[in-house]
């Protein structure tokens, strides 16, 4: 199946045209955070994208762009996300996307702790009867993430995936258009 992931960065989307072009599903960024005050931010287009994609008959998954550096922040994220998704059927997994590698050295984390933080978020969501998956590039999935018990969304921008472990979704570009 063919899918797209979208956030407010994509601006206006006609999901009927997306569906007519052969796209089967959409992964929506629900939000990001927490910020320094522990607050999460809803993607400014999430509600519109959710409603329009659902009306167009597309399957829907969700991802959260995480800044979590503690288990407490992972719990804040999962509680917030579960509240945002209340009364919204989700067809596909909820993905955990942590990409703050440029600030990693200032986060006072090690890779083990980062994996525990991601696991906390994923387990909280899974325990609320949602499917979950971990998002990462081939490099980070091979060198940092050690969570084989979860489905994997691989980001590798090549003509074919060279990741040697099992993955469930493959993001093959960051520049595609429909």
C-alpha atoms as a PDB file:
ATOM      1  CA  UNK A   1       0.000   0.000   0.000  1.00  0.00           C
ATOM      2  CA  UNK A   2       1.058   3.585  -0.629  1.00  0.00           C
ATOM      3  CA  UNK A   3       0.875   6.213   2.086  1.00  0.00           C
ATOM      4  CA  UNK A   4       2.014   9.691   2.942  1.00  0.00           C
ATOM      5  CA  UNK A   5       2.946  11.336   6.216  1.00  0.00           C
ATOM      6  CA  UNK A   6       1.871  14.911   6.697  1.00  0.00           C
ATOM      7  CA  UNK A   7       2.031  17.764   9.153  1.00  0.00           C
ATOM      8  CA  UNK A   8       1.275  21.469   9.084  1.00  0.00           C
ATOM      9  CA  UNK A   9       4.429  21.837   6.945  1.00  0.00           C
ATOM     10  CA  UNK A  10       2.422  20.566   3.957  1.00  0.00           C
ATOM     11  CA  UNK A  11      -0.227  23.309   4.210  1.00  0.00           C
ATOM     12  CA  UNK A  12      -3.501  22.723   2.306  1.00  0.00           C
ATOM     13  CA  UNK A  13      -4.167  19.169   1.162  1.00  0.00           C
ATOM     14  CA  UNK A  14      -7.082  17.935  -0.949  1.00  0.00           C
ATOM     15  CA  UNK A  15      -7.390  14.411   0.449  1.00  0.00           C
ATOM     16  CA  UNK A  16      -9.951  13.446  -2.201  1.00  0.00           C
ATOM     17  CA  UNK A  17      -7.285  14.087  -4.841  1.00  0.00           C
ATOM     18  CA  UNK A  18      -4.756  12.203  -2.722  1.00  0.00           C
ATOM     19  CA  UNK A  19      -7.106   9.202  -2.598  1.00  0.00           C
ATOM     20  CA  UNK A  20      -7.831   9.465  -6.348  1.00  0.00           C
ATOM     21  CA  UNK A  21      -4.062   9.434  -7.032  1.00  0.00           C
ATOM     22  CA  UNK A  22      -3.821   5.953  -5.484  1.00  0.00           C
ATOM     23  CA  UNK A  23      -2.792   6.744  -1.924  1.00  0.00           C
ATOM     24  CA  UNK A  24      -4.230   4.261   0.583  1.00  0.00           C
ATOM     25  CA  UNK A  25      -3.293   5.786   3.926  1.00  0.00           C
ATOM     26  CA  UNK A  26      -2.002   8.869   5.671  1.00  0.00           C
ATOM     27  CA  UNK A  27       0.121   9.175   8.807  1.00  0.00           C
ATOM     28  CA  UNK A  28      -0.729  12.455  10.542  1.00  0.00           C
ATOM     29  CA  UNK A  29       1.492  14.320  12.948  1.00  0.00           C
ATOM     30  CA  UNK A  30      -0.743  14.850  15.954  1.00  0.00           C
ATOM     31  CA  UNK A  31       1.710  17.110  17.694  1.00  0.00           C
ATOM     32  CA  UNK A  32       5.088  17.611  19.269  1.00  0.00           C
ATOM     33  CA  UNK A  33       6.755  18.329  22.571  1.00  0.00           C
ATOM     34  CA  UNK A  34       6.905  18.575  25.451  1.00  0.00           C
ATOM     35  CA  UNK A  35       8.381  22.046  25.630  1.00  0.00           C
ATOM     36  CA  UNK A  36      10.406  23.305  28.606  1.00  0.00           C
ATOM     37  CA  UNK A  37       7.159  23.850  30.540  1.00  0.00           C
ATOM     38  CA  UNK A  38       5.998  20.287  29.918  1.00  0.00           C
ATOM     39  CA  UNK A  39       3.360  21.363  27.413  1.00  0.00           C
ATOM     40  CA  UNK A  40       2.519  19.501  24.237  1.00  0.00           C
ATOM     41  CA  UNK A  41       1.581  21.314  21.019  1.00  0.00           C
ATOM     42  CA  UNK A  42      -1.159  20.088  18.712  1.00  0.00           C
ATOM     43  CA  UNK A  43      -0.208  20.219  15.027  1.00  0.00           C
ATOM     44  CA  UNK A  44      -2.183  23.186  13.697  1.00  0.00           C
ATOM     45  CA  UNK A  45      -3.642  21.089  10.855  1.00  0.00           C
ATOM     46  CA  UNK A  46      -4.263  17.839  12.724  1.00  0.00           C
ATOM     47  CA  UNK A  47      -8.019  18.210  13.202  1.00  0.00           C
ATOM     48  CA  UNK A  48      -8.595  19.368   9.610  1.00  0.00           C
ATOM     49  CA  UNK A  49      -6.331  16.682   8.156  1.00  0.00           C
ATOM     50  CA  UNK A  50      -7.949  13.990  10.291  1.00  0.00           C
ATOM     51  CA  UNK A  51     -11.490  14.958   9.281  1.00  0.00           C
ATOM     52  CA  UNK A  52     -10.664  15.450   5.599  1.00  0.00           C
ATOM     53  CA  UNK A  53      -8.635  12.234   5.294  1.00  0.00           C
ATOM     54  CA  UNK A  54     -11.366  10.253   7.045  1.00  0.00           C
ATOM     55  CA  UNK A  55     -14.028  11.779   4.762  1.00  0.00           C
ATOM     56  CA  UNK A  56     -11.928  10.828   1.714  1.00  0.00           C
ATOM     57  CA  UNK A  57     -11.836   7.199   2.863  1.00  0.00           C
ATOM     58  CA  UNK A  58      -8.133   7.057   3.677  1.00  0.00           C
ATOM     59  CA  UNK A  59      -6.780   4.859   6.469  1.00  0.00           C
ATOM     60  CA  UNK A  60      -5.257   6.955   9.240  1.00  0.00           C
ATOM     61  CA  UNK A  61      -2.224   6.506  11.449  1.00  0.00           C
ATOM     62  CA  UNK A  62      -0.623   9.061  13.745  1.00  0.00           C
ATOM     63  CA  UNK A  63       2.825  10.062  14.868  1.00  0.00           C
ATOM     64  CA  UNK A  64       4.140  12.266  17.617  1.00  0.00           C
ATOM     65  CA  UNK A  65       7.358  14.215  17.244  1.00  0.00           C
ATOM     66  CA  UNK A  66       8.960  13.744  20.628  1.00  0.00           C
ATOM     67  CA  UNK A  67      11.314  15.944  22.594  1.00  0.00           C
ATOM     68  CA  UNK A  68      11.046  13.712  25.674  1.00  0.00           C
ATOM     69  CA  UNK A  69      14.201  13.356  27.745  1.00  0.00           C
ATOM     70  CA  UNK A  70      12.636  11.690  30.809  1.00  0.00           C
ATOM     71  CA  UNK A  71      10.140   8.952  31.572  1.00  0.00           C
ATOM     72  CA  UNK A  72       7.898  11.624  33.096  1.00  0.00           C
ATOM     73  CA  UNK A  73       7.854  13.480  29.771  1.00  0.00           C
ATOM     74  CA  UNK A  74       7.055  10.231  27.919  1.00  0.00           C
ATOM     75  CA  UNK A  75       4.087   9.809  30.258  1.00  0.00           C
ATOM     76  CA  UNK A  76       3.005  13.415  29.599  1.00  0.00           C
ATOM     77  CA  UNK A  77       3.165  12.738  25.861  1.00  0.00           C
ATOM     78  CA  UNK A  78       1.196   9.522  25.955  1.00  0.00           C
ATOM     79  CA  UNK A  79      -1.493  10.955  28.253  1.00  0.00           C
ATOM     80  CA  UNK A  80      -1.827  14.015  26.025  1.00  0.00           C
ATOM     81  CA  UNK A  81      -1.973  11.940  22.837  1.00  0.00           C
ATOM     82  CA  UNK A  82      -4.571   9.549  24.217  1.00  0.00           C
ATOM     83  CA  UNK A  83      -6.697  12.537  25.200  1.00  0.00           C
ATOM     84  CA  UNK A  84      -6.340  14.076  21.716  1.00  0.00           C
ATOM     85  CA  UNK A  85      -7.345  10.805  20.043  1.00  0.00           C
ATOM     86  CA  UNK A  86     -10.394  10.248  22.213  1.00  0.00           C
ATOM     87  CA  UNK A  87     -13.393   9.616  19.920  1.00  0.00           C
ATOM     88  CA  UNK A  88     -11.145   9.448  16.825  1.00  0.00           C
ATOM     89  CA  UNK A  89     -10.862   5.993  15.263  1.00  0.00           C
ATOM     90  CA  UNK A  90      -7.299   5.252  14.186  1.00  0.00           C
ATOM     91  CA  UNK A  91      -6.748   2.507  11.589  1.00  0.00           C
ATOM     92  CA  UNK A  92      -2.971   2.207  11.667  1.00  0.00           C
ATOM     93  CA  UNK A  93      -0.241   2.394  14.297  1.00  0.00           C
ATOM     94  CA  UNK A  94       0.731   5.373  16.397  1.00  0.00           C
ATOM     95  CA  UNK A  95       4.407   6.078  15.814  1.00  0.00           C
ATOM     96  CA  UNK A  96       7.043   7.493  18.150  1.00  0.00           C
ATOM     97  CA  UNK A  97       9.443   9.839  16.348  1.00  0.00           C
ATOM     98  CA  UNK A  98      12.420  11.195  18.349  1.00  0.00           C
ATOM     99  CA  UNK A  99      14.906  13.059  16.183  1.00  0.00           C
ATOM    100  CA  UNK A 100      16.541  15.627  18.458  1.00  0.00           C
ATOM    101  CA  UNK A 101      20.000  14.292  17.723  1.00  0.00           C
ATOM    102  CA  UNK A 102      21.480  17.786  17.353  1.00  0.00           C
ATOM    103  CA  UNK A 103      20.675  18.435  21.028  1.00  0.00           C
ATOM    104  CA  UNK A 104      21.342  14.902  22.269  1.00  0.00           C
ATOM    105  CA  UNK A 105      24.632  15.747  23.983  1.00  0.00           C
ATOM    106  CA  UNK A 106      22.933  18.485  26.029  1.00  0.00           C
ATOM    107  CA  UNK A 107      20.025  16.227  27.097  1.00  0.00           C
ATOM    108  CA  UNK A 108      22.062  14.321  29.714  1.00  0.00           C
ATOM    109  CA  UNK A 109      20.864  11.030  28.209  1.00  0.00           C
ATOM    110  CA  UNK A 110      22.500   7.834  27.166  1.00  0.00           C
ATOM    111  CA  UNK A 111      21.128   5.492  24.509  1.00  0.00           C
ATOM    112  CA  UNK A 112      19.807   3.051  27.095  1.00  0.00           C
ATOM    113  CA  UNK A 113      17.729   5.778  28.762  1.00  0.00           C
ATOM    114  CA  UNK A 114      16.471   7.037  25.402  1.00  0.00           C
ATOM    115  CA  UNK A 115      15.241   3.531  24.598  1.00  0.00           C
ATOM    116  CA  UNK A 116      13.490   3.318  27.995  1.00  0.00           C
ATOM    117  CA  UNK A 117      11.769   6.663  27.306  1.00  0.00           C
ATOM    118  CA  UNK A 118      10.550   5.464  23.902  1.00  0.00           C
ATOM    119  CA  UNK A 119       9.448   2.140  25.410  1.00  0.00           C
ATOM    120  CA  UNK A 120       7.475   3.968  28.099  1.00  0.00           C
ATOM    121  CA  UNK A 121       5.571   5.984  25.487  1.00  0.00           C
ATOM    122  CA  UNK A 122       4.968   2.980  23.224  1.00  0.00           C
ATOM    123  CA  UNK A 123       3.830   0.735  26.101  1.00  0.00           C
ATOM    124  CA  UNK A 124       1.443   3.395  27.412  1.00  0.00           C
ATOM    125  CA  UNK A 125      -0.172   3.718  23.988  1.00  0.00           C
ATOM    126  CA  UNK A 126      -0.200  -0.045  23.382  1.00  0.00           C
ATOM    127  CA  UNK A 127      -1.798  -0.639  26.792  1.00  0.00           C
ATOM    128  CA  UNK A 128      -4.643   1.622  25.647  1.00  0.00           C
ATOM    129  CA  UNK A 129      -5.379  -0.811  22.792  1.00  0.00           C
ATOM    130  CA  UNK A 130      -3.651   0.995  19.949  1.00  0.00           C
ATOM    131  CA  UNK A 131      -1.075  -0.413  17.571  1.00  0.00           C
ATOM    132  CA  UNK A 132       2.338   1.238  17.939  1.00  0.00           C
ATOM    133  CA  UNK A 133       5.546   1.585  15.965  1.00  0.00           C
ATOM    134  CA  UNK A 134       8.968   3.164  16.291  1.00  0.00           C
ATOM    135  CA  UNK A 135      10.116   5.594  13.598  1.00  0.00           C
ATOM    136  CA  UNK A 136      13.769   5.957  12.674  1.00  0.00           C
ATOM    137  CA  UNK A 137      16.336   6.188   9.938  1.00  0.00           C
ATOM    138  CA  UNK A 138      18.294   3.087   8.992  1.00  0.00           C
ATOM    139  CA  UNK A 139      21.354   4.453  10.800  1.00  0.00           C
ATOM    140  CA  UNK A 140      19.537   5.167  14.072  1.00  0.00           C
ATOM    141  CA  UNK A 141      17.555   1.931  13.947  1.00  0.00           C
ATOM    142  CA  UNK A 142      20.819   0.007  13.561  1.00  0.00           C
ATOM    143  CA  UNK A 143      22.962   1.942  16.034  1.00  0.00           C
ATOM    144  CA  UNK A 144      20.746   3.479  18.715  1.00  0.00           C
ATOM    145  CA  UNK A 145      17.251   2.026  18.865  1.00  0.00           C
ATOM    146  CA  UNK A 146      17.044  -1.393  20.509  1.00  0.00           C
ATOM    147  CA  UNK A 147      13.310  -2.039  20.660  1.00  0.00           C
ATOM    148  CA  UNK A 148      12.753  -5.110  18.470  1.00  0.00           C
ATOM    149  CA  UNK A 149       9.413  -5.907  20.121  1.00  0.00           C
ATOM    150  CA  UNK A 150       7.754  -2.993  18.297  1.00  0.00           C
ATOM    151  CA  UNK A 151       6.825  -2.531  14.680  1.00  0.00           C
ATOM    152  CA  UNK A 152       9.253  -0.361  12.738  1.00  0.00           C
ATOM    153  CA  UNK A 153       8.736   2.570  10.395  1.00  0.00           C
ATOM    154  CA  UNK A 154      11.983   2.822   8.427  1.00  0.00           C
ATOM    155  CA  UNK A 155      13.089   6.114   6.897  1.00  0.00           C
ATOM    156  CA  UNK A 156      15.636   5.372   4.202  1.00  0.00           C
ATOM    157  CA  UNK A 157      15.765   7.542   1.096  1.00  0.00           C
ATOM    158  CA  UNK A 158      17.035   5.072  -1.474  1.00  0.00           C
ATOM    159  CA  UNK A 159      15.495   3.231  -4.409  1.00  0.00           C
ATOM    160  CA  UNK A 160      15.321   0.097  -2.261  1.00  0.00           C
ATOM    161  CA  UNK A 161      15.544  -0.550   1.452  1.00  0.00           C
ATOM    162  CA  UNK A 162      18.862  -1.976   2.635  1.00  0.00           C
ATOM    163  CA  UNK A 163      17.871  -2.240   6.304  1.00  0.00           C
ATOM    164  CA  UNK A 164      18.506  -5.874   7.280  1.00  0.00           C
ATOM    165  CA  UNK A 165      15.898  -6.208  10.026  1.00  0.00           C
ATOM    166  CA  UNK A 166      12.154  -6.528   9.750  1.00  0.00           C
ATOM    167  CA  UNK A 167      10.200  -3.320   9.133  1.00  0.00           C
ATOM    168  CA  UNK A 168       6.511  -2.642   8.629  1.00  0.00           C
ATOM    169  CA  UNK A 169       6.537   0.683   6.835  1.00  0.00           C
ATOM    170  CA  UNK A 170       9.139   2.275   4.584  1.00  0.00           C
ATOM    171  CA  UNK A 171       9.463   6.017   4.025  1.00  0.00           C
ATOM    172  CA  UNK A 172      11.454   6.219   0.820  1.00  0.00           C
ATOM    173  CA  UNK A 173      11.600   9.989   0.343  1.00  0.00           C
ATOM    174  CA  UNK A 174      11.133  13.303   2.084  1.00  0.00           C
ATOM    175  CA  UNK A 175      10.431  15.130  -1.165  1.00  0.00           C
ATOM    176  CA  UNK A 176       7.552  13.188  -2.734  1.00  0.00           C
ATOM    177  CA  UNK A 177       4.447  14.849  -4.098  1.00  0.00           C
ATOM    178  CA  UNK A 178       1.014  13.533  -4.960  1.00  0.00           C
END
